[in-house]
Amino acid sequence: MACNIRLPVLENQLTCPICLEVFKDPVMLQCGHSYCRDCLWGLMKESHIHLLCPVCRQEVDYSSSPPNVTLKHLIETLQILSEEQTTAETCPNHNNPLCLYCEQDQEVICGLCGTIGDHRQHPVTPLTSVYSRMKVNLTFYEL
């Protein structure tokens, strides 16, 4: 069960094939592949005649490589999500977000606690459902 966006998976998709890190100042070649501007510049210095795309090996013109604005915005969003996730409460055992509620022990747990951890045989419910249920119960008691 997915609790939220899996940031490591997203980071992997936003990785420069040259430096293997999240893109910094991404640019796009004519073939459609993207790289960090500095990574391409480093290849350009090594290749004095022609630059071949490191992924598809197509000959490309580095001088006409525009910034990949969409990729840049995705990376900025990733950084914001990463900062928000680090401020969210996480499981002390697995360091995953707390997104489930163990009905038996009446405590908030992460997905791993519910599947392979101490609560694997316990009835668990997504936190959003528990929140909705408690909200209805509170409204009922107020009446």
N, C-alpha and C. Protein backbone atom coordinates (compact mmCIF):
# COMPACT_ATOMS: atom_id res chain seq x y z
N MET A 1 0.85 -1.17 0.00
CA MET A 1 0.00 0.00 0.00
C MET A 1 0.90 1.24 0.00
N ALA A 2 0.68 2.11 -0.95
CA ALA A 2 1.48 3.34 -1.04
C ALA A 2 0.93 4.37 -0.08
N CYS A 3 1.81 4.93 0.73
CA CYS A 3 1.40 5.95 1.70
C CYS A 3 1.49 7.33 1.07
N ASN A 4 2.48 7.54 0.26
CA ASN A 4 2.67 8.83 -0.39
C ASN A 4 3.64 8.65 -1.54
N ILE A 5 4.08 9.72 -2.12
CA ILE A 5 5.02 9.66 -3.23
C ILE A 5 6.32 9.04 -2.74
N ARG A 6 6.84 8.11 -3.49
CA ARG A 6 8.12 7.48 -3.16
C ARG A 6 9.22 8.36 -3.75
N LEU A 7 9.77 9.25 -2.94
CA LEU A 7 10.76 10.22 -3.43
C LEU A 7 12.01 9.57 -4.01
N PRO A 8 12.54 8.50 -3.43
CA PRO A 8 13.72 7.90 -4.06
C PRO A 8 13.47 7.41 -5.48
N VAL A 9 12.27 6.88 -5.75
CA VAL A 9 11.93 6.44 -7.10
C VAL A 9 11.88 7.63 -8.04
N LEU A 10 11.28 8.72 -7.58
CA LEU A 10 11.20 9.93 -8.40
C LEU A 10 12.59 10.51 -8.62
N GLU A 11 13.41 10.53 -7.59
CA GLU A 11 14.77 11.03 -7.74
C GLU A 11 15.55 10.22 -8.77
N ASN A 12 15.33 8.92 -8.77
CA ASN A 12 16.01 8.06 -9.74
C ASN A 12 15.65 8.44 -11.18
N GLN A 13 14.40 8.83 -11.39
CA GLN A 13 13.96 9.23 -12.73
C GLN A 13 14.49 10.60 -13.13
N LEU A 14 14.93 11.37 -12.16
CA LEU A 14 15.43 12.72 -12.42
C LEU A 14 16.94 12.79 -12.25
N THR A 15 17.61 11.70 -12.61
CA THR A 15 19.05 11.59 -12.43
C THR A 15 19.78 11.76 -13.76
N CYS A 16 20.81 12.56 -13.74
CA CYS A 16 21.66 12.77 -14.92
C CYS A 16 22.44 11.48 -15.20
N PRO A 17 22.41 10.99 -16.44
CA PRO A 17 23.13 9.75 -16.76
C PRO A 17 24.66 9.91 -16.72
N ILE A 18 25.15 11.12 -16.63
CA ILE A 18 26.60 11.33 -16.59
C ILE A 18 27.11 11.34 -15.16
N CYS A 19 26.57 12.23 -14.32
CA CYS A 19 27.06 12.34 -12.94
C CYS A 19 26.28 11.47 -11.95
N LEU A 20 25.15 10.92 -12.40
CA LEU A 20 24.30 10.05 -11.58
C LEU A 20 23.75 10.75 -10.34
N GLU A 21 23.53 12.05 -10.45
CA GLU A 21 22.89 12.82 -9.39
C GLU A 21 21.66 13.52 -9.97
N VAL A 22 20.80 14.05 -9.09
CA VAL A 22 19.64 14.79 -9.57
C VAL A 22 20.14 15.95 -10.42
N PHE A 23 19.48 16.18 -11.56
CA PHE A 23 19.91 17.20 -12.51
C PHE A 23 20.16 18.54 -11.83
N LYS A 24 21.24 19.18 -12.26
CA LYS A 24 21.54 20.55 -11.85
C LYS A 24 21.59 21.37 -13.13
N ASP A 25 20.75 22.36 -13.26
CA ASP A 25 20.67 23.20 -14.45
C ASP A 25 20.52 22.33 -15.71
N PRO A 26 19.41 21.55 -15.79
CA PRO A 26 19.26 20.60 -16.90
C PRO A 26 19.09 21.27 -18.26
N VAL A 27 19.72 20.68 -19.26
CA VAL A 27 19.56 21.10 -20.65
C VAL A 27 19.18 19.86 -21.46
N MET A 28 18.50 20.12 -22.60
CA MET A 28 18.03 19.02 -23.43
C MET A 28 18.73 19.07 -24.79
N LEU A 29 19.20 17.92 -25.22
CA LEU A 29 19.83 17.80 -26.54
C LEU A 29 18.76 17.61 -27.61
N GLN A 30 19.15 17.72 -28.86
CA GLN A 30 18.22 17.57 -29.97
C GLN A 30 17.57 16.18 -30.00
N CYS A 31 18.25 15.20 -29.47
CA CYS A 31 17.71 13.83 -29.45
C CYS A 31 16.65 13.64 -28.37
N GLY A 32 16.51 14.62 -27.47
CA GLY A 32 15.50 14.55 -26.42
C GLY A 32 16.05 14.16 -25.06
N HIS A 33 17.29 13.72 -24.97
CA HIS A 33 17.87 13.35 -23.68
C HIS A 33 18.36 14.60 -22.95
N SER A 34 18.28 14.56 -21.63
CA SER A 34 18.67 15.70 -20.81
C SER A 34 19.88 15.36 -19.94
N TYR A 35 20.66 16.42 -19.64
CA TYR A 35 21.87 16.30 -18.83
C TYR A 35 22.07 17.59 -18.05
N CYS A 36 22.91 17.53 -17.04
CA CYS A 36 23.31 18.75 -16.35
C CYS A 36 24.16 19.58 -17.33
N ARG A 37 24.00 20.88 -17.27
CA ARG A 37 24.77 21.75 -18.17
C ARG A 37 26.27 21.52 -17.98
N ASP A 38 26.73 21.47 -16.73
CA ASP A 38 28.16 21.29 -16.47
C ASP A 38 28.67 19.92 -16.94
N CYS A 39 27.84 18.89 -16.83
CA CYS A 39 28.25 17.56 -17.29
C CYS A 39 28.47 17.58 -18.80
N LEU A 40 27.55 18.21 -19.53
CA LEU A 40 27.72 18.30 -20.98
C LEU A 40 28.93 19.15 -21.35
N TRP A 41 29.12 20.22 -20.62
CA TRP A 41 30.26 21.09 -20.88
C TRP A 41 31.57 20.31 -20.70
N GLY A 42 31.61 19.45 -19.69
CA GLY A 42 32.79 18.62 -19.47
C GLY A 42 33.03 17.67 -20.64
N LEU A 43 31.95 17.08 -21.18
CA LEU A 43 32.09 16.21 -22.35
C LEU A 43 32.54 17.00 -23.57
N MET A 44 32.04 18.22 -23.68
CA MET A 44 32.38 19.06 -24.81
C MET A 44 33.88 19.38 -24.82
N LYS A 45 34.44 19.59 -23.63
CA LYS A 45 35.88 19.89 -23.53
C LYS A 45 36.72 18.68 -23.96
N GLU A 46 36.22 17.48 -23.63
CA GLU A 46 36.95 16.26 -23.98
C GLU A 46 36.82 15.92 -25.46
N SER A 47 35.65 16.18 -26.03
CA SER A 47 35.39 15.86 -27.43
C SER A 47 35.58 17.13 -28.26
N HIS A 48 36.72 17.24 -28.91
CA HIS A 48 37.04 18.47 -29.63
C HIS A 48 36.31 18.60 -30.96
N ILE A 49 35.86 17.51 -31.54
CA ILE A 49 35.25 17.58 -32.87
C ILE A 49 33.73 17.48 -32.79
N HIS A 50 33.20 16.32 -32.41
CA HIS A 50 31.76 16.09 -32.38
C HIS A 50 31.34 15.61 -31.00
N LEU A 51 30.13 15.98 -30.62
CA LEU A 51 29.59 15.49 -29.35
C LEU A 51 28.51 14.47 -29.67
N LEU A 52 28.65 13.28 -29.10
CA LEU A 52 27.64 12.24 -29.24
C LEU A 52 26.86 12.16 -27.94
N CYS A 53 25.55 12.01 -28.05
CA CYS A 53 24.71 11.84 -26.86
C CYS A 53 25.18 10.59 -26.13
N PRO A 54 25.46 10.69 -24.84
CA PRO A 54 25.94 9.53 -24.09
C PRO A 54 24.93 8.38 -24.02
N VAL A 55 23.64 8.67 -24.22
CA VAL A 55 22.63 7.61 -24.14
C VAL A 55 22.39 6.95 -25.49
N CYS A 56 22.06 7.75 -26.52
CA CYS A 56 21.68 7.17 -27.82
C CYS A 56 22.79 7.25 -28.87
N ARG A 57 23.89 7.92 -28.54
CA ARG A 57 25.06 8.05 -29.41
C ARG A 57 24.79 8.85 -30.68
N GLN A 58 23.70 9.60 -30.71
CA GLN A 58 23.41 10.47 -31.85
C GLN A 58 24.30 11.71 -31.79
N GLU A 59 24.79 12.17 -32.93
CA GLU A 59 25.61 13.37 -32.95
C GLU A 59 24.71 14.57 -32.67
N VAL A 60 25.14 15.43 -31.76
CA VAL A 60 24.32 16.58 -31.35
C VAL A 60 25.17 17.84 -31.32
N ASP A 61 24.48 18.95 -31.37
CA ASP A 61 25.13 20.26 -31.31
C ASP A 61 24.87 20.84 -29.93
N TYR A 62 25.90 20.86 -29.09
CA TYR A 62 25.75 21.34 -27.71
C TYR A 62 25.34 22.80 -27.67
N SER A 63 25.79 23.58 -28.62
CA SER A 63 25.52 25.03 -28.59
C SER A 63 24.04 25.36 -28.73
N SER A 64 23.24 24.42 -29.25
CA SER A 64 21.81 24.69 -29.38
C SER A 64 21.00 23.81 -28.42
N SER A 65 21.51 23.63 -27.23
CA SER A 65 20.82 22.83 -26.21
C SER A 65 20.11 23.77 -25.24
N PRO A 66 18.77 23.87 -25.37
CA PRO A 66 18.03 24.78 -24.51
C PRO A 66 17.88 24.22 -23.09
N PRO A 67 17.61 25.10 -22.13
CA PRO A 67 17.34 24.62 -20.78
C PRO A 67 16.07 23.77 -20.78
N ASN A 68 16.05 22.72 -19.99
CA ASN A 68 14.87 21.88 -19.85
C ASN A 68 14.07 22.43 -18.67
N VAL A 69 13.20 23.40 -18.96
CA VAL A 69 12.46 24.13 -17.92
C VAL A 69 11.52 23.20 -17.17
N THR A 70 10.86 22.30 -17.87
CA THR A 70 9.93 21.38 -17.22
C THR A 70 10.66 20.50 -16.22
N LEU A 71 11.79 19.98 -16.61
CA LEU A 71 12.59 19.16 -15.71
C LEU A 71 13.06 19.96 -14.51
N LYS A 72 13.45 21.20 -14.75
CA LYS A 72 13.90 22.07 -13.66
C LYS A 72 12.77 22.28 -12.64
N HIS A 73 11.55 22.51 -13.13
CA HIS A 73 10.41 22.71 -12.22
C HIS A 73 10.08 21.43 -11.45
N LEU A 74 10.18 20.29 -12.10
CA LEU A 74 9.95 19.01 -11.41
C LEU A 74 10.95 18.81 -10.28
N ILE A 75 12.19 19.16 -10.53
CA ILE A 75 13.24 19.01 -9.51
C ILE A 75 12.99 19.96 -8.35
N GLU A 76 12.56 21.19 -8.65
CA GLU A 76 12.23 22.13 -7.58
C GLU A 76 11.08 21.60 -6.73
N THR A 77 10.07 21.00 -7.38
CA THR A 77 8.94 20.40 -6.66
C THR A 77 9.43 19.23 -5.81
N LEU A 78 10.31 18.42 -6.36
CA LEU A 78 10.88 17.30 -5.62
C LEU A 78 11.59 17.78 -4.36
N GLN A 79 12.33 18.87 -4.47
CA GLN A 79 13.05 19.41 -3.31
C GLN A 79 12.06 19.87 -2.24
N ILE A 80 10.98 20.51 -2.65
CA ILE A 80 9.95 20.96 -1.69
C ILE A 80 9.32 19.75 -1.02
N LEU A 81 8.94 18.73 -1.81
CA LEU A 81 8.34 17.53 -1.24
C LEU A 81 9.29 16.81 -0.29
N SER A 82 10.55 16.78 -0.65
CA SER A 82 11.56 16.14 0.20
C SER A 82 11.67 16.87 1.54
N GLU A 83 11.67 18.20 1.50
CA GLU A 83 11.73 18.99 2.74
C GLU A 83 10.49 18.76 3.59
N GLU A 84 9.31 18.71 2.95
CA GLU A 84 8.07 18.48 3.70
C GLU A 84 8.06 17.09 4.31
N GLN A 85 8.55 16.11 3.56
CA GLN A 85 8.53 14.74 4.07
C GLN A 85 9.48 14.57 5.25
N THR A 86 10.60 15.27 5.25
CA THR A 86 11.52 15.14 6.37
C THR A 86 10.95 15.79 7.62
N THR A 87 10.03 16.74 7.45
CA THR A 87 9.43 17.35 8.63
C THR A 87 8.23 16.55 9.12
N ALA A 88 7.69 15.64 8.29
CA ALA A 88 6.56 14.81 8.71
C ALA A 88 7.05 13.77 9.71
N GLU A 89 6.13 13.27 10.51
CA GLU A 89 6.50 12.25 11.49
C GLU A 89 6.82 10.95 10.77
N THR A 90 7.86 10.30 11.22
CA THR A 90 8.27 9.04 10.62
C THR A 90 8.38 7.96 11.68
N CYS A 91 8.36 6.73 11.22
CA CYS A 91 8.46 5.56 12.09
C CYS A 91 9.87 5.50 12.69
N PRO A 92 9.98 5.32 14.00
CA PRO A 92 11.31 5.23 14.60
C PRO A 92 12.06 3.95 14.20
N ASN A 93 11.34 2.90 13.79
CA ASN A 93 11.98 1.64 13.40
C ASN A 93 12.41 1.60 11.94
N HIS A 94 11.57 2.18 11.05
CA HIS A 94 11.82 2.06 9.62
C HIS A 94 12.06 3.39 8.92
N ASN A 95 11.88 4.48 9.62
CA ASN A 95 12.06 5.83 9.06
C ASN A 95 11.14 6.10 7.88
N ASN A 96 9.98 5.42 7.84
CA ASN A 96 8.96 5.64 6.82
C ASN A 96 7.86 6.52 7.39
N PRO A 97 7.10 7.19 6.52
CA PRO A 97 6.00 8.02 7.02
C PRO A 97 4.96 7.18 7.76
N LEU A 98 4.41 7.75 8.81
CA LEU A 98 3.35 7.09 9.57
C LEU A 98 2.05 7.30 8.81
N CYS A 99 1.50 6.23 8.24
CA CYS A 99 0.32 6.38 7.38
C CYS A 99 -0.78 5.39 7.68
N LEU A 100 -0.57 4.50 8.66
CA LEU A 100 -1.57 3.50 9.02
C LEU A 100 -1.89 3.60 10.51
N TYR A 101 -3.04 3.03 10.87
CA TYR A 101 -3.46 2.99 12.27
C TYR A 101 -3.70 1.53 12.63
N CYS A 102 -2.99 1.05 13.65
CA CYS A 102 -3.18 -0.31 14.15
C CYS A 102 -4.39 -0.29 15.07
N GLU A 103 -5.46 -0.96 14.64
CA GLU A 103 -6.70 -0.99 15.42
C GLU A 103 -6.51 -1.74 16.74
N GLN A 104 -5.69 -2.78 16.75
CA GLN A 104 -5.50 -3.58 17.95
C GLN A 104 -4.73 -2.81 19.02
N ASP A 105 -3.61 -2.18 18.63
CA ASP A 105 -2.78 -1.47 19.59
C ASP A 105 -3.14 0.01 19.69
N GLN A 106 -4.02 0.46 18.83
CA GLN A 106 -4.47 1.85 18.80
C GLN A 106 -3.31 2.82 18.74
N GLU A 107 -2.45 2.60 17.71
CA GLU A 107 -1.34 3.52 17.49
C GLU A 107 -1.08 3.69 16.00
N VAL A 108 -0.43 4.79 15.67
CA VAL A 108 -0.10 5.11 14.29
C VAL A 108 1.20 4.40 13.94
N ILE A 109 1.21 3.75 12.76
CA ILE A 109 2.37 2.97 12.33
C ILE A 109 2.68 3.26 10.85
N CYS A 110 3.82 2.76 10.39
CA CYS A 110 4.17 2.89 8.97
C CYS A 110 3.75 1.62 8.23
N GLY A 111 3.87 1.64 6.92
CA GLY A 111 3.48 0.50 6.10
C GLY A 111 4.28 -0.75 6.40
N LEU A 112 5.59 -0.60 6.68
CA LEU A 112 6.41 -1.77 6.99
C LEU A 112 6.03 -2.41 8.32
N CYS A 113 5.68 -1.58 9.29
CA CYS A 113 5.23 -2.12 10.58
C CYS A 113 3.98 -2.97 10.38
N GLY A 114 3.12 -2.54 9.45
CA GLY A 114 1.87 -3.26 9.20
C GLY A 114 2.03 -4.51 8.35
N THR A 115 3.12 -4.59 7.57
CA THR A 115 3.29 -5.75 6.70
C THR A 115 4.34 -6.74 7.19
N ILE A 116 5.46 -6.24 7.72
CA ILE A 116 6.51 -7.17 8.16
C ILE A 116 6.94 -6.92 9.59
N GLY A 117 6.41 -5.90 10.23
CA GLY A 117 6.83 -5.54 11.58
C GLY A 117 5.96 -6.13 12.66
N ASP A 118 5.98 -5.49 13.81
CA ASP A 118 5.27 -5.98 14.99
C ASP A 118 3.75 -6.04 14.81
N HIS A 119 3.22 -5.31 13.85
CA HIS A 119 1.76 -5.22 13.68
C HIS A 119 1.26 -6.03 12.48
N ARG A 120 2.07 -6.94 11.95
CA ARG A 120 1.74 -7.64 10.71
C ARG A 120 0.46 -8.48 10.79
N GLN A 121 0.11 -8.98 11.93
CA GLN A 121 -1.11 -9.79 12.06
C GLN A 121 -2.28 -8.98 12.62
N HIS A 122 -2.07 -7.68 12.83
CA HIS A 122 -3.11 -6.83 13.41
C HIS A 122 -3.96 -6.19 12.33
N PRO A 123 -5.20 -5.88 12.65
CA PRO A 123 -6.01 -5.12 11.68
C PRO A 123 -5.51 -3.68 11.61
N VAL A 124 -5.21 -3.21 10.39
CA VAL A 124 -4.72 -1.86 10.20
C VAL A 124 -5.64 -1.11 9.22
N THR A 125 -5.69 0.20 9.38
CA THR A 125 -6.54 1.05 8.56
C THR A 125 -5.73 2.27 8.12
N PRO A 126 -5.91 2.73 6.87
CA PRO A 126 -5.22 3.96 6.46
C PRO A 126 -5.62 5.13 7.36
N LEU A 127 -4.67 5.99 7.64
CA LEU A 127 -4.93 7.12 8.54
C LEU A 127 -6.07 8.01 8.04
N THR A 128 -6.16 8.18 6.73
CA THR A 128 -7.23 9.04 6.20
C THR A 128 -8.61 8.50 6.55
N SER A 129 -8.76 7.17 6.52
CA SER A 129 -10.04 6.57 6.89
C SER A 129 -10.33 6.72 8.38
N VAL A 130 -9.30 6.55 9.20
CA VAL A 130 -9.46 6.70 10.65
C VAL A 130 -9.84 8.14 10.98
N TYR A 131 -9.19 9.08 10.31
CA TYR A 131 -9.49 10.50 10.52
C TYR A 131 -10.96 10.78 10.19
N SER A 132 -11.42 10.27 9.05
CA SER A 132 -12.82 10.49 8.65
C SER A 132 -13.77 9.86 9.66
N ARG A 133 -13.44 8.65 10.11
CA ARG A 133 -14.29 7.95 11.08
C ARG A 133 -14.35 8.72 12.40
N MET A 134 -13.20 9.20 12.87
CA MET A 134 -13.17 9.94 14.14
C MET A 134 -13.91 11.26 14.01
N LYS A 135 -13.81 11.88 12.86
CA LYS A 135 -14.50 13.13 12.62
C LYS A 135 -16.02 12.93 12.69
N VAL A 136 -16.50 11.84 12.10
CA VAL A 136 -17.93 11.51 12.15
C VAL A 136 -18.34 11.22 13.58
N ASN A 137 -17.52 10.47 14.32
CA ASN A 137 -17.84 10.14 15.71
C ASN A 137 -17.91 11.41 16.56
N LEU A 138 -16.98 12.35 16.35
CA LEU A 138 -17.02 13.59 17.11
C LEU A 138 -18.27 14.40 16.80
N THR A 139 -18.64 14.44 15.53
CA THR A 139 -19.85 15.16 15.15
C THR A 139 -21.08 14.52 15.78
N PHE A 140 -21.11 13.17 15.83
CA PHE A 140 -22.22 12.46 16.45
C PHE A 140 -22.32 12.79 17.93
N TYR A 141 -21.18 12.84 18.62
CA TYR A 141 -21.19 13.12 20.06
C TYR A 141 -21.59 14.56 20.35
N GLU A 142 -21.28 15.48 19.45
CA GLU A 142 -21.64 16.88 19.65
C GLU A 142 -23.14 17.09 19.56
N LEU A 143 -23.82 16.23 18.79
CA LEU A 143 -25.28 16.35 18.64
C LEU A 143 -25.92 15.87 19.88
